[in-house]
Amino acid sequence: MKEKCVIIITGMPATGKTTTGIKIAEKLRIPFLVKIKEKLDLLVMIYYIII
């Protein structure tokens, strides 16, 4: 059975968190999931502006 783990990368904006996460996921052959609150907030704002 494979050991399960979660890797969490945090840091200031525009410091390469997503790029680093993708590279780690590729190297370890694991799924990469991203939760970026700022991008979600921006999409919500754009949605309200369009409507």
C-alpha atoms as a PDB file:
ATOM      1  CA  MET A   1       0.000   0.000   0.000  1.00  0.00           C
ATOM      2  CA  LYS A   2       1.279   3.464  -0.894  1.00  0.00           C
ATOM      3  CA  GLU A   3       1.823   5.901   1.924  1.00  0.00           C
ATOM      4  CA  LYS A   4      -0.499   8.910   1.730  1.00  0.00           C
ATOM      5  CA  CYS A   5       0.685  12.464   2.242  1.00  0.00           C
ATOM      6  CA  VAL A   6      -0.361  16.032   1.607  1.00  0.00           C
ATOM      7  CA  ILE A   7       2.154  18.667   0.561  1.00  0.00           C
ATOM      8  CA  ILE A   8       1.131  22.241   1.323  1.00  0.00           C
ATOM      9  CA  ILE A   9       3.058  25.138  -0.198  1.00  0.00           C
ATOM     10  CA  THR A  10       2.450  28.619   1.183  1.00  0.00           C
ATOM     11  CA  GLY A  11       4.084  31.977   0.631  1.00  0.00           C
ATOM     12  CA  MET A  12       3.763  35.522  -0.546  1.00  0.00           C
ATOM     13  CA  PRO A  13       2.094  36.308  -3.891  1.00  0.00           C
ATOM     14  CA  ALA A  14       4.146  35.803  -7.074  1.00  0.00           C
ATOM     15  CA  THR A  15       6.905  33.739  -5.429  1.00  0.00           C
ATOM     16  CA  GLY A  16       6.519  30.600  -7.551  1.00  0.00           C
ATOM     17  CA  LYS A  17       4.275  28.453  -5.353  1.00  0.00           C
ATOM     18  CA  THR A  18       2.239  27.069  -8.251  1.00  0.00           C
ATOM     19  CA  THR A  19       5.313  26.438 -10.411  1.00  0.00           C
ATOM     20  CA  THR A  20       7.046  24.674  -7.533  1.00  0.00           C
ATOM     21  CA  GLY A  21       3.939  22.615  -6.763  1.00  0.00           C
ATOM     22  CA  ILE A  22       3.639  21.478 -10.361  1.00  0.00           C
ATOM     23  CA  LYS A  23       7.293  20.448 -10.483  1.00  0.00           C
ATOM     24  CA  ILE A  24       7.008  18.524  -7.204  1.00  0.00           C
ATOM     25  CA  ALA A  25       3.835  16.774  -8.401  1.00  0.00           C
ATOM     26  CA  GLU A  26       5.477  15.775 -11.682  1.00  0.00           C
ATOM     27  CA  LYS A  27       8.606  14.489  -9.923  1.00  0.00           C
ATOM     28  CA  LEU A  28       6.615  12.467  -7.382  1.00  0.00           C
ATOM     29  CA  ARG A  29       3.934  11.463  -9.925  1.00  0.00           C
ATOM     30  CA  ILE A  30       1.109  12.704  -7.722  1.00  0.00           C
ATOM     31  CA  PRO A  31      -1.928  14.881  -8.502  1.00  0.00           C
ATOM     32  CA  PHE A  32      -1.506  18.638  -8.219  1.00  0.00           C
ATOM     33  CA  LEU A  33      -4.386  20.609  -6.759  1.00  0.00           C
ATOM     34  CA  VAL A  34      -4.299  24.345  -6.244  1.00  0.00           C
ATOM     35  CA  LYS A  35      -6.493  26.484  -4.030  1.00  0.00           C
ATOM     36  CA  ILE A  36      -5.817  30.128  -4.727  1.00  0.00           C
ATOM     37  CA  LYS A  37      -8.266  32.315  -2.845  1.00  0.00           C
ATOM     38  CA  GLU A  38      -7.149  35.515  -4.598  1.00  0.00           C
ATOM     39  CA  LYS A  39      -7.856  34.075  -8.057  1.00  0.00           C
ATOM     40  CA  LEU A  40     -11.254  32.806  -6.940  1.00  0.00           C
ATOM     41  CA  ASP A  41     -12.100  36.237  -5.496  1.00  0.00           C
ATOM     42  CA  LEU A  42     -11.025  37.860  -8.778  1.00  0.00           C
ATOM     43  CA  LEU A  43     -13.250  35.519 -10.804  1.00  0.00           C
ATOM     44  CA  VAL A  44     -16.202  36.352  -8.554  1.00  0.00           C
ATOM     45  CA  MET A  45     -15.555  40.090  -9.025  1.00  0.00           C
ATOM     46  CA  ILE A  46     -15.300  39.692 -12.806  1.00  0.00           C
ATOM     47  CA  TYR A  47     -18.546  37.671 -12.779  1.00  0.00           C
ATOM     48  CA  TYR A  48     -20.381  40.466 -10.951  1.00  0.00           C
ATOM     49  CA  ILE A  49     -18.946  43.130 -13.263  1.00  0.00           C
ATOM     50  CA  ILE A  50     -20.105  41.220 -16.387  1.00  0.00           C
ATOM     51  CA  ILE A  51     -23.628  40.738 -15.031  1.00  0.00           C
END
